[in-house]
């Protein structure tokens, strides 16, 4: 099969053997999405080598012990746990100490014609959700996952920094918590317009400078930049909550004195549950179509990865 692989400092589409672990379900990938984490892996993040990619929708070809899944369209939770620890027994492998992570840690990923995942990781895609929407299940789940880590309610004031695909999904997901105020802050008017059409307040970085110091209860940093981190601290009220969503290769200077003096809580947020994301997609409650910039065949995966890093591009999809 074809697969987009990063090995020994080189990104290439290669012919490799299909994954062969018969204990897991075999999924024929019909569409995958390039994530910023994929880009960062090629820059050195996580030290991963192999087939990259973790956002996908596909059709189950075989599934030991779950024949009812064969022929079904599915998406998949990306963390595969040991199945034995307390976390796995509670049906949450996201922090299993022995987990593998699709296309990120110890497991070949989704930018390929086929992948394997444990049956327990798979969720059926509702019939009314086309592949082009279903492929957003993983990033939308990650956006909704903020609500597992932080309380957002009708009395909350929330700012999201970053108008890329992650920031746009975070803002849309948080809007369903009906906070008293929700603002998406970014650089690009065309991207901010996507949120504006959903009734979400937006502002450019230029408009925000010095305007709302120490104003927000919760700030979500989804830009992955040091300047975004600095702005987040500027916007947070004392005892506010800073939510870090971005994963990237590199380091950020942390002004610890500000965090200590203002008693800021810093919360990491990574993966979320897929079921709420599929529900939002089935209801058409989130605009993901506007996030799709281009689609490439898997054979042009290297070109697609380059395109995904270019200015103005939001989401690039790969079709095997």
C-alpha atoms as a PDB file:
ATOM      1  CA  UNK A   1       0.000   0.000   0.000  1.00  0.00           C
ATOM      2  CA  UNK A   2       0.969   3.671  -0.288  1.00  0.00           C
ATOM      3  CA  UNK A   3       1.777   5.618   2.874  1.00  0.00           C
ATOM      4  CA  UNK A   4       3.135   9.085   3.654  1.00  0.00           C
ATOM      5  CA  UNK A   5       6.134   8.417   5.899  1.00  0.00           C
ATOM      6  CA  UNK A   6       8.715  10.437   7.771  1.00  0.00           C
ATOM      7  CA  UNK A   7      11.952   8.548   8.349  1.00  0.00           C
ATOM      8  CA  UNK A   8      15.565   9.585   8.835  1.00  0.00           C
ATOM      9  CA  UNK A   9      14.754  13.238   8.241  1.00  0.00           C
ATOM     10  CA  UNK A  10      12.948  12.549   4.956  1.00  0.00           C
ATOM     11  CA  UNK A  11       9.248  12.824   4.073  1.00  0.00           C
ATOM     12  CA  UNK A  12       8.076  10.633   1.185  1.00  0.00           C
ATOM     13  CA  UNK A  13       5.167   8.592  -0.145  1.00  0.00           C
ATOM     14  CA  UNK A  14       6.362   4.990  -0.123  1.00  0.00           C
ATOM     15  CA  UNK A  15       5.095   1.502  -0.904  1.00  0.00           C
ATOM     16  CA  UNK A  16       4.957  -0.479   2.335  1.00  0.00           C
ATOM     17  CA  UNK A  17       3.298  -3.642   3.590  1.00  0.00           C
ATOM     18  CA  UNK A  18      -0.225  -3.372   4.920  1.00  0.00           C
ATOM     19  CA  UNK A  19      -0.413  -3.375   8.742  1.00  0.00           C
ATOM     20  CA  UNK A  20      -0.675  -7.002   9.820  1.00  0.00           C
ATOM     21  CA  UNK A  21      -1.775  -7.237  13.471  1.00  0.00           C
ATOM     22  CA  UNK A  22      -4.817  -9.517  13.181  1.00  0.00           C
ATOM     23  CA  UNK A  23      -5.857  -8.674  16.752  1.00  0.00           C
ATOM     24  CA  UNK A  24      -6.907  -5.211  15.589  1.00  0.00           C
ATOM     25  CA  UNK A  25      -9.409  -3.935  13.037  1.00  0.00           C
ATOM     26  CA  UNK A  26      -8.158  -3.211   9.521  1.00  0.00           C
ATOM     27  CA  UNK A  27      -9.558   0.065   8.170  1.00  0.00           C
ATOM     28  CA  UNK A  28      -9.402   1.187   4.544  1.00  0.00           C
ATOM     29  CA  UNK A  29      -8.833   4.944   4.758  1.00  0.00           C
ATOM     30  CA  UNK A  30     -11.143   6.977   2.528  1.00  0.00           C
ATOM     31  CA  UNK A  31     -10.029  10.450   3.619  1.00  0.00           C
ATOM     32  CA  UNK A  32      -7.433  11.880   6.009  1.00  0.00           C
ATOM     33  CA  UNK A  33      -6.681  15.387   7.223  1.00  0.00           C
ATOM     34  CA  UNK A  34      -3.294  17.054   7.581  1.00  0.00           C
ATOM     35  CA  UNK A  35      -2.912  18.459  11.094  1.00  0.00           C
ATOM     36  CA  UNK A  36      -0.370  20.941  12.427  1.00  0.00           C
ATOM     37  CA  UNK A  37       0.964  18.095  14.574  1.00  0.00           C
ATOM     38  CA  UNK A  38       1.916  16.278  11.338  1.00  0.00           C
ATOM     39  CA  UNK A  39       3.852  19.358  10.264  1.00  0.00           C
ATOM     40  CA  UNK A  40       5.561  19.593  13.644  1.00  0.00           C
ATOM     41  CA  UNK A  41       6.547  15.901  13.553  1.00  0.00           C
ATOM     42  CA  UNK A  42       8.449  16.591  10.342  1.00  0.00           C
ATOM     43  CA  UNK A  43      10.174  19.422  12.233  1.00  0.00           C
ATOM     44  CA  UNK A  44      11.176  17.044  15.020  1.00  0.00           C
ATOM     45  CA  UNK A  45       8.224  17.019  17.427  1.00  0.00           C
ATOM     46  CA  UNK A  46       7.768  13.784  19.431  1.00  0.00           C
ATOM     47  CA  UNK A  47      10.722  12.068  17.740  1.00  0.00           C
ATOM     48  CA  UNK A  48       8.317   9.965  15.675  1.00  0.00           C
ATOM     49  CA  UNK A  49       9.300   8.030  12.566  1.00  0.00           C
ATOM     50  CA  UNK A  50       6.870   6.121  10.379  1.00  0.00           C
ATOM     51  CA  UNK A  51       3.519   6.806   8.709  1.00  0.00           C
ATOM     52  CA  UNK A  52       2.154  10.128   9.940  1.00  0.00           C
ATOM     53  CA  UNK A  53      -1.449  11.293  10.286  1.00  0.00           C
ATOM     54  CA  UNK A  54      -4.203  10.780  12.858  1.00  0.00           C
ATOM     55  CA  UNK A  55      -7.322  12.438  11.427  1.00  0.00           C
ATOM     56  CA  UNK A  56      -9.254  10.005   9.242  1.00  0.00           C
ATOM     57  CA  UNK A  57     -12.489   8.395   8.159  1.00  0.00           C
ATOM     58  CA  UNK A  58     -12.542   4.930   6.608  1.00  0.00           C
ATOM     59  CA  UNK A  59     -14.325   1.629   6.077  1.00  0.00           C
ATOM     60  CA  UNK A  60     -13.685  -1.448   8.215  1.00  0.00           C
ATOM     61  CA  UNK A  61     -12.278  -4.319   6.127  1.00  0.00           C
ATOM     62  CA  UNK A  62     -11.875  -6.827   8.977  1.00  0.00           C
ATOM     63  CA  UNK A  63     -12.427  -6.787  12.726  1.00  0.00           C
ATOM     64  CA  UNK A  64     -11.725  -9.835  14.859  1.00  0.00           C
ATOM     65  CA  UNK A  65     -14.570 -10.335  17.303  1.00  0.00           C
ATOM     66  CA  UNK A  66     -16.687  -7.525  15.812  1.00  0.00           C
ATOM     67  CA  UNK A  67     -17.968  -8.741  12.436  1.00  0.00           C
ATOM     68  CA  UNK A  68     -20.839  -6.258  12.685  1.00  0.00           C
ATOM     69  CA  UNK A  69     -18.329  -3.467  12.017  1.00  0.00           C
ATOM     70  CA  UNK A  70     -17.142  -4.886   8.688  1.00  0.00           C
ATOM     71  CA  UNK A  71     -18.252  -2.588   5.865  1.00  0.00           C
ATOM     72  CA  UNK A  72     -19.099   0.238   8.271  1.00  0.00           C
ATOM     73  CA  UNK A  73     -17.716   3.754   7.973  1.00  0.00           C
ATOM     74  CA  UNK A  74     -15.763   4.666  11.086  1.00  0.00           C
ATOM     75  CA  UNK A  75     -13.540   7.222  12.733  1.00  0.00           C
ATOM     76  CA  UNK A  76     -11.122   6.253  15.476  1.00  0.00           C
ATOM     77  CA  UNK A  77      -9.837   7.388  18.847  1.00  0.00           C
ATOM     78  CA  UNK A  78      -6.097   7.862  18.312  1.00  0.00           C
ATOM     79  CA  UNK A  79      -4.828   6.612  21.690  1.00  0.00           C
ATOM     80  CA  UNK A  80      -4.495   2.830  21.921  1.00  0.00           C
ATOM     81  CA  UNK A  81      -3.972   1.760  25.522  1.00  0.00           C
ATOM     82  CA  UNK A  82      -2.604  -1.376  27.135  1.00  0.00           C
ATOM     83  CA  UNK A  83      -6.115  -2.528  28.056  1.00  0.00           C
ATOM     84  CA  UNK A  84      -5.010  -3.537  31.556  1.00  0.00           C
ATOM     85  CA  UNK A  85      -4.277  -0.424  33.618  1.00  0.00           C
ATOM     86  CA  UNK A  86      -6.858   1.446  35.686  1.00  0.00           C
ATOM     87  CA  UNK A  87      -7.281   4.132  33.016  1.00  0.00           C
ATOM     88  CA  UNK A  88      -7.913   1.609  30.248  1.00  0.00           C
ATOM     89  CA  UNK A  89     -10.351  -0.352  32.418  1.00  0.00           C
ATOM     90  CA  UNK A  90     -12.287   2.895  32.933  1.00  0.00           C
ATOM     91  CA  UNK A  91     -12.528   3.272  29.146  1.00  0.00           C
ATOM     92  CA  UNK A  92     -10.072   6.165  28.923  1.00  0.00           C
ATOM     93  CA  UNK A  93      -6.731   5.251  27.373  1.00  0.00           C
ATOM     94  CA  UNK A  94      -5.711   8.840  26.647  1.00  0.00           C
ATOM     95  CA  UNK A  95      -3.109   8.815  29.427  1.00  0.00           C
ATOM     96  CA  UNK A  96      -2.261   5.139  29.618  1.00  0.00           C
ATOM     97  CA  UNK A  97       1.477   5.006  30.348  1.00  0.00           C
ATOM     98  CA  UNK A  98       1.918   2.283  27.706  1.00  0.00           C
ATOM     99  CA  UNK A  99      -0.327   3.748  25.040  1.00  0.00           C
ATOM    100  CA  UNK A 100       0.549   4.151  21.396  1.00  0.00           C
ATOM    101  CA  UNK A 101      -0.840   7.103  19.471  1.00  0.00           C
ATOM    102  CA  UNK A 102      -1.878   6.918  15.831  1.00  0.00           C
ATOM    103  CA  UNK A 103       0.785   8.562  13.690  1.00  0.00           C
ATOM    104  CA  UNK A 104       2.449  10.192  16.705  1.00  0.00           C
ATOM    105  CA  UNK A 105       3.805   7.616  19.189  1.00  0.00           C
ATOM    106  CA  UNK A 106       4.758   4.055  18.342  1.00  0.00           C
ATOM    107  CA  UNK A 107       2.003   3.404  15.787  1.00  0.00           C
ATOM    108  CA  UNK A 108       1.815   4.000  12.034  1.00  0.00           C
ATOM    109  CA  UNK A 109      -0.794   6.568  11.137  1.00  0.00           C
ATOM    110  CA  UNK A 110      -3.629   7.539   8.857  1.00  0.00           C
ATOM    111  CA  UNK A 111      -1.992   9.067   5.759  1.00  0.00           C
ATOM    112  CA  UNK A 112      -2.064   5.651   4.142  1.00  0.00           C
ATOM    113  CA  UNK A 113      -4.387   3.349   2.244  1.00  0.00           C
ATOM    114  CA  UNK A 114      -4.934   1.196   5.341  1.00  0.00           C
ATOM    115  CA  UNK A 115      -4.449   1.459   9.100  1.00  0.00           C
ATOM    116  CA  UNK A 116      -5.076  -0.692  12.150  1.00  0.00           C
ATOM    117  CA  UNK A 117      -6.653   0.243  15.471  1.00  0.00           C
ATOM    118  CA  UNK A 118      -8.207  -1.759  18.307  1.00  0.00           C
ATOM    119  CA  UNK A 119     -11.924  -2.370  17.747  1.00  0.00           C
ATOM    120  CA  UNK A 120     -12.691  -0.479  20.970  1.00  0.00           C
ATOM    121  CA  UNK A 121     -11.230   2.677  19.402  1.00  0.00           C
ATOM    122  CA  UNK A 122     -13.666   2.744  16.474  1.00  0.00           C
ATOM    123  CA  UNK A 123     -16.915   4.705  16.295  1.00  0.00           C
ATOM    124  CA  UNK A 124     -19.458   4.384  13.500  1.00  0.00           C
ATOM    125  CA  UNK A 125     -20.085   7.475  11.413  1.00  0.00           C
ATOM    126  CA  UNK A 126     -23.779   8.435  11.153  1.00  0.00           C
ATOM    127  CA  UNK A 127     -25.182   7.939   7.662  1.00  0.00           C
ATOM    128  CA  UNK A 128     -25.957  11.631   7.236  1.00  0.00           C
ATOM    129  CA  UNK A 129     -22.361  12.726   7.834  1.00  0.00           C
ATOM    130  CA  UNK A 130     -20.275  12.713   4.613  1.00  0.00           C
ATOM    131  CA  UNK A 131     -16.578  11.842   4.713  1.00  0.00           C
ATOM    132  CA  UNK A 132     -15.633  15.506   4.289  1.00  0.00           C
ATOM    133  CA  UNK A 133     -17.312  16.249   7.632  1.00  0.00           C
ATOM    134  CA  UNK A 134     -16.437  13.017   9.413  1.00  0.00           C
ATOM    135  CA  UNK A 135     -12.707  13.595   8.868  1.00  0.00           C
ATOM    136  CA  UNK A 136     -12.990  16.494  11.326  1.00  0.00           C
ATOM    137  CA  UNK A 137     -14.108  14.222  14.186  1.00  0.00           C
ATOM    138  CA  UNK A 138     -10.670  14.087  15.815  1.00  0.00           C
ATOM    139  CA  UNK A 139      -9.837  17.823  15.809  1.00  0.00           C
ATOM    140  CA  UNK A 140     -13.388  18.723  16.810  1.00  0.00           C
ATOM    141  CA  UNK A 141     -13.174  16.219  19.671  1.00  0.00           C
ATOM    142  CA  UNK A 142      -9.925  17.887  20.732  1.00  0.00           C
ATOM    143  CA  UNK A 143     -11.661  21.270  20.682  1.00  0.00           C
ATOM    144  CA  UNK A 144     -14.627  19.994  22.703  1.00  0.00           C
ATOM    145  CA  UNK A 145     -12.144  18.376  25.094  1.00  0.00           C
ATOM    146  CA  UNK A 146     -11.501  21.813  26.586  1.00  0.00           C
ATOM    147  CA  UNK A 147     -14.854  21.466  28.346  1.00  0.00           C
ATOM    148  CA  UNK A 148     -13.549  18.381  30.186  1.00  0.00           C
ATOM    149  CA  UNK A 149     -10.661  20.384  31.627  1.00  0.00           C
ATOM    150  CA  UNK A 150     -12.232  23.791  32.319  1.00  0.00           C
ATOM    151  CA  UNK A 151     -15.653  24.973  33.440  1.00  0.00           C
ATOM    152  CA  UNK A 152     -17.236  27.269  30.875  1.00  0.00           C
ATOM    153  CA  UNK A 153     -20.778  28.458  31.574  1.00  0.00           C
ATOM    154  CA  UNK A 154     -23.190  31.357  31.109  1.00  0.00           C
ATOM    155  CA  UNK A 155     -21.141  33.556  33.431  1.00  0.00           C
ATOM    156  CA  UNK A 156     -17.769  32.935  31.745  1.00  0.00           C
ATOM    157  CA  UNK A 157     -15.836  35.319  29.535  1.00  0.00           C
ATOM    158  CA  UNK A 158     -13.639  33.393  27.095  1.00  0.00           C
ATOM    159  CA  UNK A 159     -11.060  34.352  24.478  1.00  0.00           C
ATOM    160  CA  UNK A 160      -9.552  31.993  21.903  1.00  0.00           C
ATOM    161  CA  UNK A 161      -6.231  33.059  20.360  1.00  0.00           C
ATOM    162  CA  UNK A 162      -5.464  31.737  16.888  1.00  0.00           C
ATOM    163  CA  UNK A 163      -7.671  31.670  13.783  1.00  0.00           C
ATOM    164  CA  UNK A 164      -6.245  28.489  12.273  1.00  0.00           C
ATOM    165  CA  UNK A 165      -8.269  25.293  12.036  1.00  0.00           C
ATOM    166  CA  UNK A 166      -7.816  24.467  15.728  1.00  0.00           C
ATOM    167  CA  UNK A 167      -8.768  27.933  16.957  1.00  0.00           C
ATOM    168  CA  UNK A 168     -11.824  28.030  14.691  1.00  0.00           C
ATOM    169  CA  UNK A 169     -13.000  24.656  15.978  1.00  0.00           C
ATOM    170  CA  UNK A 170     -12.325  25.641  19.603  1.00  0.00           C
ATOM    171  CA  UNK A 171     -14.373  28.813  19.260  1.00  0.00           C
ATOM    172  CA  UNK A 172     -17.268  26.991  17.617  1.00  0.00           C
ATOM    173  CA  UNK A 173     -17.237  24.180  20.172  1.00  0.00           C
ATOM    174  CA  UNK A 174     -17.122  26.569  23.146  1.00  0.00           C
ATOM    175  CA  UNK A 175     -20.016  28.596  21.739  1.00  0.00           C
ATOM    176  CA  UNK A 176     -22.336  25.708  22.663  1.00  0.00           C
ATOM    177  CA  UNK A 177     -21.543  26.337  26.335  1.00  0.00           C
ATOM    178  CA  UNK A 178     -23.221  29.745  25.918  1.00  0.00           C
ATOM    179  CA  UNK A 179     -20.577  31.816  27.748  1.00  0.00           C
ATOM    180  CA  UNK A 180     -21.409  35.418  28.577  1.00  0.00           C
ATOM    181  CA  UNK A 181     -18.704  36.442  26.126  1.00  0.00           C
ATOM    182  CA  UNK A 182     -16.655  34.542  23.574  1.00  0.00           C
ATOM    183  CA  UNK A 183     -14.078  36.217  21.317  1.00  0.00           C
ATOM    184  CA  UNK A 184     -11.886  34.644  18.630  1.00  0.00           C
ATOM    185  CA  UNK A 185      -8.665  36.599  18.092  1.00  0.00           C
ATOM    186  CA  UNK A 186      -6.549  36.181  14.976  1.00  0.00           C
ATOM    187  CA  UNK A 187      -4.623  37.728  12.109  1.00  0.00           C
ATOM    188  CA  UNK A 188      -6.704  36.891   9.045  1.00  0.00           C
ATOM    189  CA  UNK A 189     -10.028  38.547   8.232  1.00  0.00           C
ATOM    190  CA  UNK A 190     -11.078  35.738   5.865  1.00  0.00           C
ATOM    191  CA  UNK A 191     -10.598  33.126   8.609  1.00  0.00           C
ATOM    192  CA  UNK A 192     -12.255  35.242  11.293  1.00  0.00           C
ATOM    193  CA  UNK A 193     -15.232  35.584   8.952  1.00  0.00           C
ATOM    194  CA  UNK A 194     -15.921  31.851   9.355  1.00  0.00           C
ATOM    195  CA  UNK A 195     -16.502  32.349  13.086  1.00  0.00           C
ATOM    196  CA  UNK A 196     -18.361  35.610  12.530  1.00  0.00           C
ATOM    197  CA  UNK A 197     -20.896  33.796  10.336  1.00  0.00           C
ATOM    198  CA  UNK A 198     -21.578  31.527  13.320  1.00  0.00           C
ATOM    199  CA  UNK A 199     -22.356  34.529  15.523  1.00  0.00           C
ATOM    200  CA  UNK A 200     -19.011  34.485  17.339  1.00  0.00           C
ATOM    201  CA  UNK A 201     -17.379  37.829  18.180  1.00  0.00           C
ATOM    202  CA  UNK A 202     -13.990  38.271  16.502  1.00  0.00           C
ATOM    203  CA  UNK A 203     -11.082  40.682  16.742  1.00  0.00           C
ATOM    204  CA  UNK A 204      -7.731  41.090  15.012  1.00  0.00           C
ATOM    205  CA  UNK A 205      -4.484  41.135  16.959  1.00  0.00           C
ATOM    206  CA  UNK A 206      -4.134  44.818  16.073  1.00  0.00           C
ATOM    207  CA  UNK A 207      -7.557  45.627  17.534  1.00  0.00           C
ATOM    208  CA  UNK A 208      -6.815  43.738  20.759  1.00  0.00           C
ATOM    209  CA  UNK A 209      -3.466  45.329  21.669  1.00  0.00           C
ATOM    210  CA  UNK A 210      -3.912  47.108  25.011  1.00  0.00           C
ATOM    211  CA  UNK A 211      -7.705  46.947  24.736  1.00  0.00           C
ATOM    212  CA  UNK A 212      -8.781  44.178  27.149  1.00  0.00           C
ATOM    213  CA  UNK A 213      -6.088  43.802  29.815  1.00  0.00           C
ATOM    214  CA  UNK A 214      -6.983  41.344  32.595  1.00  0.00           C
ATOM    215  CA  UNK A 215     -10.500  40.881  31.235  1.00  0.00           C
ATOM    216  CA  UNK A 216     -11.176  37.186  30.558  1.00  0.00           C
ATOM    217  CA  UNK A 217     -11.853  34.268  32.884  1.00  0.00           C
ATOM    218  CA  UNK A 218     -10.527  31.713  30.383  1.00  0.00           C
ATOM    219  CA  UNK A 219      -8.104  32.162  27.489  1.00  0.00           C
ATOM    220  CA  UNK A 220      -7.430  29.324  25.041  1.00  0.00           C
ATOM    221  CA  UNK A 221      -4.030  29.573  23.338  1.00  0.00           C
ATOM    222  CA  UNK A 222      -4.392  27.844  19.958  1.00  0.00           C
ATOM    223  CA  UNK A 223      -1.879  29.793  17.874  1.00  0.00           C
ATOM    224  CA  UNK A 224       1.190  27.811  18.863  1.00  0.00           C
ATOM    225  CA  UNK A 225       3.281  30.977  19.042  1.00  0.00           C
ATOM    226  CA  UNK A 226       5.199  32.683  21.817  1.00  0.00           C
ATOM    227  CA  UNK A 227       3.390  35.944  21.058  1.00  0.00           C
ATOM    228  CA  UNK A 228       0.066  34.149  21.479  1.00  0.00           C
ATOM    229  CA  UNK A 229       1.169  32.923  24.901  1.00  0.00           C
ATOM    230  CA  UNK A 230       2.152  36.459  25.914  1.00  0.00           C
ATOM    231  CA  UNK A 231      -1.176  37.866  24.703  1.00  0.00           C
ATOM    232  CA  UNK A 232      -3.067  35.194  26.616  1.00  0.00           C
ATOM    233  CA  UNK A 233      -1.447  36.259  29.882  1.00  0.00           C
ATOM    234  CA  UNK A 234      -2.197  39.888  29.106  1.00  0.00           C
ATOM    235  CA  UNK A 235      -5.891  39.119  28.597  1.00  0.00           C
ATOM    236  CA  UNK A 236      -6.390  36.907  31.654  1.00  0.00           C
ATOM    237  CA  UNK A 237      -7.840  38.297  34.843  1.00  0.00           C
ATOM    238  CA  UNK A 238      -6.166  37.357  38.137  1.00  0.00           C
ATOM    239  CA  UNK A 239      -6.974  33.734  38.988  1.00  0.00           C
ATOM    240  CA  UNK A 240      -8.023  33.125  35.401  1.00  0.00           C
ATOM    241  CA  UNK A 241      -7.346  29.920  33.481  1.00  0.00           C
ATOM    242  CA  UNK A 242      -4.923  29.603  30.569  1.00  0.00           C
ATOM    243  CA  UNK A 243      -5.689  26.597  28.349  1.00  0.00           C
ATOM    244  CA  UNK A 244      -2.815  25.409  26.150  1.00  0.00           C
ATOM    245  CA  UNK A 245      -3.992  23.573  23.003  1.00  0.00           C
ATOM    246  CA  UNK A 246      -1.038  23.707  20.613  1.00  0.00           C
ATOM    247  CA  UNK A 247       1.636  21.032  20.208  1.00  0.00           C
ATOM    248  CA  UNK A 248       4.792  22.170  18.473  1.00  0.00           C
ATOM    249  CA  UNK A 249       8.506  21.510  18.243  1.00  0.00           C
ATOM    250  CA  UNK A 250      10.382  24.104  20.224  1.00  0.00           C
ATOM    251  CA  UNK A 251      10.320  25.979  23.513  1.00  0.00           C
ATOM    252  CA  UNK A 252       8.420  29.000  24.829  1.00  0.00           C
ATOM    253  CA  UNK A 253       9.653  31.503  27.376  1.00  0.00           C
ATOM    254  CA  UNK A 254       7.275  31.360  30.347  1.00  0.00           C
ATOM    255  CA  UNK A 255       6.899  34.515  32.496  1.00  0.00           C
ATOM    256  CA  UNK A 256       6.434  32.602  35.726  1.00  0.00           C
ATOM    257  CA  UNK A 257       6.304  35.720  37.920  1.00  0.00           C
ATOM    258  CA  UNK A 258       3.081  36.852  36.225  1.00  0.00           C
ATOM    259  CA  UNK A 259       1.565  33.392  36.639  1.00  0.00           C
ATOM    260  CA  UNK A 260       2.495  33.307  40.334  1.00  0.00           C
ATOM    261  CA  UNK A 261       1.524  36.882  41.228  1.00  0.00           C
ATOM    262  CA  UNK A 262      -1.848  36.715  39.443  1.00  0.00           C
ATOM    263  CA  UNK A 263      -2.377  33.078  40.502  1.00  0.00           C
ATOM    264  CA  UNK A 264      -3.047  31.955  36.952  1.00  0.00           C
ATOM    265  CA  UNK A 265      -4.010  28.305  36.439  1.00  0.00           C
ATOM    266  CA  UNK A 266      -2.335  26.718  33.404  1.00  0.00           C
ATOM    267  CA  UNK A 267      -4.200  23.751  31.930  1.00  0.00           C
ATOM    268  CA  UNK A 268      -3.111  21.466  29.129  1.00  0.00           C
ATOM    269  CA  UNK A 269      -5.785  20.098  26.796  1.00  0.00           C
ATOM    270  CA  UNK A 270      -5.013  17.464  24.169  1.00  0.00           C
ATOM    271  CA  UNK A 271      -7.508  14.785  23.068  1.00  0.00           C
ATOM    272  CA  UNK A 272     -11.257  14.782  23.584  1.00  0.00           C
ATOM    273  CA  UNK A 273     -14.076  12.270  23.308  1.00  0.00           C
ATOM    274  CA  UNK A 274     -15.321  11.474  19.802  1.00  0.00           C
ATOM    275  CA  UNK A 275     -19.023  10.898  20.584  1.00  0.00           C
ATOM    276  CA  UNK A 276     -19.842  14.589  21.303  1.00  0.00           C
ATOM    277  CA  UNK A 277     -17.941  15.602  18.155  1.00  0.00           C
ATOM    278  CA  UNK A 278     -19.886  13.143  15.988  1.00  0.00           C
ATOM    279  CA  UNK A 279     -23.112  14.476  17.483  1.00  0.00           C
ATOM    280  CA  UNK A 280     -22.176  18.058  16.556  1.00  0.00           C
ATOM    281  CA  UNK A 281     -21.233  16.945  13.041  1.00  0.00           C
ATOM    282  CA  UNK A 282     -24.460  14.978  12.593  1.00  0.00           C
ATOM    283  CA  UNK A 283     -26.515  18.010  13.634  1.00  0.00           C
ATOM    284  CA  UNK A 284     -24.579  20.274  11.293  1.00  0.00           C
ATOM    285  CA  UNK A 285     -23.904  22.479  14.298  1.00  0.00           C
ATOM    286  CA  UNK A 286     -20.289  23.268  13.362  1.00  0.00           C
ATOM    287  CA  UNK A 287     -19.050  24.719  10.089  1.00  0.00           C
ATOM    288  CA  UNK A 288     -16.182  22.498   8.986  1.00  0.00           C
ATOM    289  CA  UNK A 289     -16.705  22.753   5.230  1.00  0.00           C
ATOM    290  CA  UNK A 290     -15.385  26.324   5.240  1.00  0.00           C
ATOM    291  CA  UNK A 291     -12.144  25.062   6.781  1.00  0.00           C
ATOM    292  CA  UNK A 292     -11.313  22.836   3.794  1.00  0.00           C
ATOM    293  CA  UNK A 293      -8.802  24.612   1.576  1.00  0.00           C
ATOM    294  CA  UNK A 294      -7.732  21.844  -0.815  1.00  0.00           C
ATOM    295  CA  UNK A 295      -7.700  18.095  -1.379  1.00  0.00           C
ATOM    296  CA  UNK A 296      -4.835  16.051  -2.841  1.00  0.00           C
ATOM    297  CA  UNK A 297      -4.423  12.401  -3.743  1.00  0.00           C
ATOM    298  CA  UNK A 298      -2.276  10.503  -1.259  1.00  0.00           C
ATOM    299  CA  UNK A 299       0.330  10.022  -3.986  1.00  0.00           C
ATOM    300  CA  UNK A 300       0.931  13.804  -3.777  1.00  0.00           C
ATOM    301  CA  UNK A 301       1.258  13.734   0.000  1.00  0.00           C
ATOM    302  CA  UNK A 302       4.596  15.568   0.140  1.00  0.00           C
ATOM    303  CA  UNK A 303       3.242  18.396  -1.988  1.00  0.00           C
ATOM    304  CA  UNK A 304       0.101  18.499   0.161  1.00  0.00           C
ATOM    305  CA  UNK A 305       2.201  18.806   3.331  1.00  0.00           C
ATOM    306  CA  UNK A 306       4.094  21.743   1.847  1.00  0.00           C
ATOM    307  CA  UNK A 307       0.819  23.366   0.847  1.00  0.00           C
ATOM    308  CA  UNK A 308      -0.572  22.918   4.367  1.00  0.00           C
ATOM    309  CA  UNK A 309       2.177  25.187   5.729  1.00  0.00           C
ATOM    310  CA  UNK A 310       1.505  28.056   3.323  1.00  0.00           C
ATOM    311  CA  UNK A 311      -0.103  31.331   4.345  1.00  0.00           C
ATOM    312  CA  UNK A 312      -3.879  31.438   4.161  1.00  0.00           C
ATOM    313  CA  UNK A 313      -4.335  27.666   3.979  1.00  0.00           C
ATOM    314  CA  UNK A 314      -6.534  26.103   6.675  1.00  0.00           C
ATOM    315  CA  UNK A 315      -7.195  22.379   6.164  1.00  0.00           C
ATOM    316  CA  UNK A 316      -5.681  20.153   3.476  1.00  0.00           C
ATOM    317  CA  UNK A 317      -7.165  16.693   2.939  1.00  0.00           C
ATOM    318  CA  UNK A 318      -5.593  13.559   1.468  1.00  0.00           C
ATOM    319  CA  UNK A 319      -7.588  10.952  -0.459  1.00  0.00           C
ATOM    320  CA  UNK A 320      -5.976   7.517  -1.001  1.00  0.00           C
END
